[in-house]
Protein backbone atom coordinates (compact mmCIF):
# COMPACT_ATOMS: atom_id res chain seq x y z
CA MET A 1 0.00 0.00 0.00
CA THR A 2 1.08 3.53 -0.68
CA PRO A 3 1.38 5.96 2.26
CA ASN A 4 -1.92 7.58 1.22
CA GLN A 5 -3.65 4.20 1.10
CA LYS A 6 -2.25 3.32 4.54
CA ALA A 7 -3.60 6.57 5.95
CA TYR A 8 -6.99 5.96 4.33
CA HIS A 9 -7.00 2.40 5.65
CA ALA A 10 -6.34 3.67 9.19
CA GLN A 11 -9.18 6.21 8.83
CA LEU A 12 -11.58 3.47 7.76
CA VAL A 13 -10.61 1.27 10.72
CA THR A 14 -11.31 4.21 13.03
CA LYS A 15 -14.61 4.89 11.26
CA ILE A 16 -15.73 1.29 11.87
CA HIS A 17 -15.30 1.77 15.60
CA LEU A 18 -17.51 4.85 15.47
CA THR A 19 -20.46 3.22 13.71
CA PRO A 20 -23.71 2.73 15.64
CA MET A 21 -23.70 -1.07 15.32
CA TYR A 22 -20.11 -1.41 16.53
CA ARG A 23 -20.72 0.87 19.52
CA THR A 24 -23.97 -0.89 20.43
CA ILE A 25 -23.01 -4.54 19.94
CA TYR A 26 -19.27 -5.05 19.67
CA LYS A 27 -17.58 -2.26 21.63
CA ASP A 28 -17.62 -4.14 24.94
CA ASP A 29 -17.31 -7.68 23.58
CA ARG A 30 -14.04 -8.17 21.69
CA ASP A 31 -14.58 -11.95 21.38
CA LEU A 32 -17.92 -11.43 19.67
CA TYR A 33 -16.38 -8.87 17.28
CA GLU A 34 -13.49 -11.20 16.42
CA SER A 35 -15.92 -14.05 15.81
CA PHE A 36 -17.95 -11.83 13.49
CA LEU A 37 -14.82 -10.86 11.52
CA ILE A 38 -13.60 -14.46 11.29
CA ASN A 39 -16.98 -15.70 10.07
CA SER A 40 -17.42 -12.84 7.61
CA TYR A 41 -13.89 -12.22 6.34
CA GLY A 42 -11.58 -14.88 7.72
CA VAL A 43 -9.55 -12.42 9.81
CA ASP A 44 -9.64 -11.57 13.50
CA SER A 45 -8.93 -7.84 13.24
CA SER A 46 -10.32 -5.07 11.06
CA LYS A 47 -6.72 -3.93 10.51
CA LYS A 48 -6.26 -7.03 8.33
CA LEU A 49 -9.13 -6.11 5.98
CA SER A 50 -8.60 -4.50 2.60
CA ILE A 51 -9.93 -1.03 1.84
CA THR A 52 -12.86 -2.53 -0.11
CA GLU A 53 -13.72 -4.87 2.77
CA LEU A 54 -13.51 -1.99 5.26
CA ASN A 55 -15.91 0.08 3.15
CA ASN A 56 -18.31 -2.89 2.93
CA LEU A 57 -18.14 -3.35 6.69
CA ILE A 58 -18.77 0.36 7.32
CA ASP A 59 -21.83 0.22 5.05
CA TYR A 60 -23.11 -2.81 6.98
CA PHE A 61 -22.41 -1.38 10.44
CA SER A 62 -23.95 1.97 9.43
CA GLY A 63 -27.14 0.30 8.24
CA LYS A 64 -26.68 1.28 4.58
CA THR A 65 -26.91 -2.37 3.61
CA LYS A 66 -28.57 -5.31 5.36
CA THR A 67 -25.96 -7.90 4.40
CA ILE A 68 -22.24 -8.08 3.91
CA ARG A 69 -21.65 -8.40 0.20
CA GLN A 70 -20.53 -11.95 -0.54
CA ASP A 71 -20.11 -14.15 -3.58
CA PRO A 72 -22.26 -17.29 -4.13
CA LYS A 73 -19.74 -19.48 -2.26
CA GLY A 74 -20.15 -17.38 0.87
CA ARG A 75 -16.82 -15.57 0.72
CA PRO A 76 -16.56 -11.79 0.87
CA THR A 77 -16.62 -10.24 -2.59
CA GLU A 78 -13.12 -8.88 -2.15
CA LYS A 79 -10.97 -10.30 -4.90
CA GLY A 80 -7.88 -12.06 -3.75
CA MET A 81 -9.30 -15.01 -1.83
CA ILE A 82 -7.86 -18.46 -2.55
CA THR A 83 -9.29 -20.26 -5.57
CA ASP A 84 -10.57 -23.83 -5.68
CA ALA A 85 -7.69 -24.68 -8.03
CA GLN A 86 -5.16 -23.40 -5.47
CA ILE A 87 -6.80 -25.44 -2.71
CA ALA A 88 -6.64 -28.56 -4.88
CA LYS A 89 -2.99 -27.92 -5.76
CA ILE A 90 -1.97 -27.36 -2.12
CA GLU A 91 -3.76 -30.50 -0.94
CA THR A 92 -2.37 -32.62 -3.80
CA MET A 93 1.18 -31.35 -3.40
CA TRP A 94 1.02 -31.91 0.35
CA GLN A 95 0.11 -35.55 -0.22
CA ILE A 96 3.20 -35.84 -2.44
CA VAL A 97 5.82 -33.95 -0.40
CA GLY A 98 4.58 -34.03 3.20
CA ARG A 99 6.03 -36.68 5.52
CA ASP A 100 2.97 -36.43 7.76
CA LYS A 101 0.07 -36.32 5.31
CA SER A 102 -2.49 -35.23 7.92
CA ASP A 103 -4.61 -32.11 7.65
CA ALA A 104 -3.17 -30.82 10.93
CA ALA A 105 0.38 -31.15 9.60
CA LEU A 106 -0.61 -29.23 6.45
CA ARG A 107 -2.08 -26.43 8.55
CA ASN A 108 1.07 -26.29 10.69
CA PHE A 109 3.11 -26.04 7.50
CA ILE A 110 0.86 -23.21 6.27
CA LYS A 111 1.29 -21.46 9.63
CA ARG A 112 5.07 -21.57 9.19
CA GLN A 113 4.67 -20.05 5.71
CA THR A 114 2.04 -17.37 6.42
CA GLY A 115 2.36 -16.75 10.16
CA GLU A 116 -1.29 -17.67 10.79
CA PHE A 117 -2.97 -20.99 11.46
CA PRO A 118 -5.90 -21.36 9.01
CA LEU A 119 -8.98 -23.15 10.28
CA HIS A 120 -9.97 -23.69 6.65
CA LEU A 121 -7.90 -23.34 3.50
CA LYS A 122 -10.65 -21.06 2.10
CA LYS A 123 -9.54 -18.44 4.64
CA LEU A 124 -6.22 -17.95 2.83
CA THR A 125 -5.69 -15.13 0.38
CA GLN A 126 -4.46 -15.82 -3.13
CA LYS A 127 -1.13 -14.28 -2.20
CA GLU A 128 -0.74 -16.55 0.85
CA ALA A 129 -1.81 -19.57 -1.20
CA THR A 130 0.75 -18.72 -3.88
CA GLY A 131 3.46 -18.54 -1.22
CA VAL A 132 2.44 -21.94 0.15
CA ILE A 133 2.42 -23.44 -3.36
CA VAL A 134 5.87 -22.03 -4.12
CA ALA A 135 7.20 -23.51 -0.86
CA LEU A 136 5.65 -26.89 -1.69
CA GLU A 137 7.15 -26.79 -5.19
CA LYS A 138 10.59 -26.06 -3.71
CA MET A 139 10.14 -29.01 -1.38
CA ALA A 140 9.21 -31.20 -4.34
CA ASP A 141 12.32 -30.03 -6.22
CA ASN A 142 14.44 -30.88 -3.16
CA GLY A 143 12.92 -34.31 -2.68
CA GLY A 144 10.08 -33.48 -0.24
CA GLY A 145 10.03 -34.21 3.44
CA ALA A 146 8.14 -31.68 5.55
CA ALA A 147 6.51 -32.78 8.77
């Protein structure tokens, strides 16, 4: 993000916390707010949302819209979420290069790559998924073997 975009992003985060719905429902219950963000956007903090997602959330919290805009698969409309093809590639490559082929081991591997433990692969961004795929491809080139 450019410095201007970062400043705008910070203003939007502040604006969210000033909306009527946030002040009425979420201000005193951080756990509830985090749960809402995780279920709606796959993140636990509004600071992790894109500018488009922040604007959508402000519209929702301000009552300008009755729903959070989502695509037919239930993900926020923000472009950049992991694709089904990326999910398939990650899962397939993990079965090839992972020593421990379990789902938990894959998520631990993803945590080492992205810094966050995904409850579902659909919560990854395309950028994070690409990073995971590149790491898996490097492992395949080196003969595999991640726990």
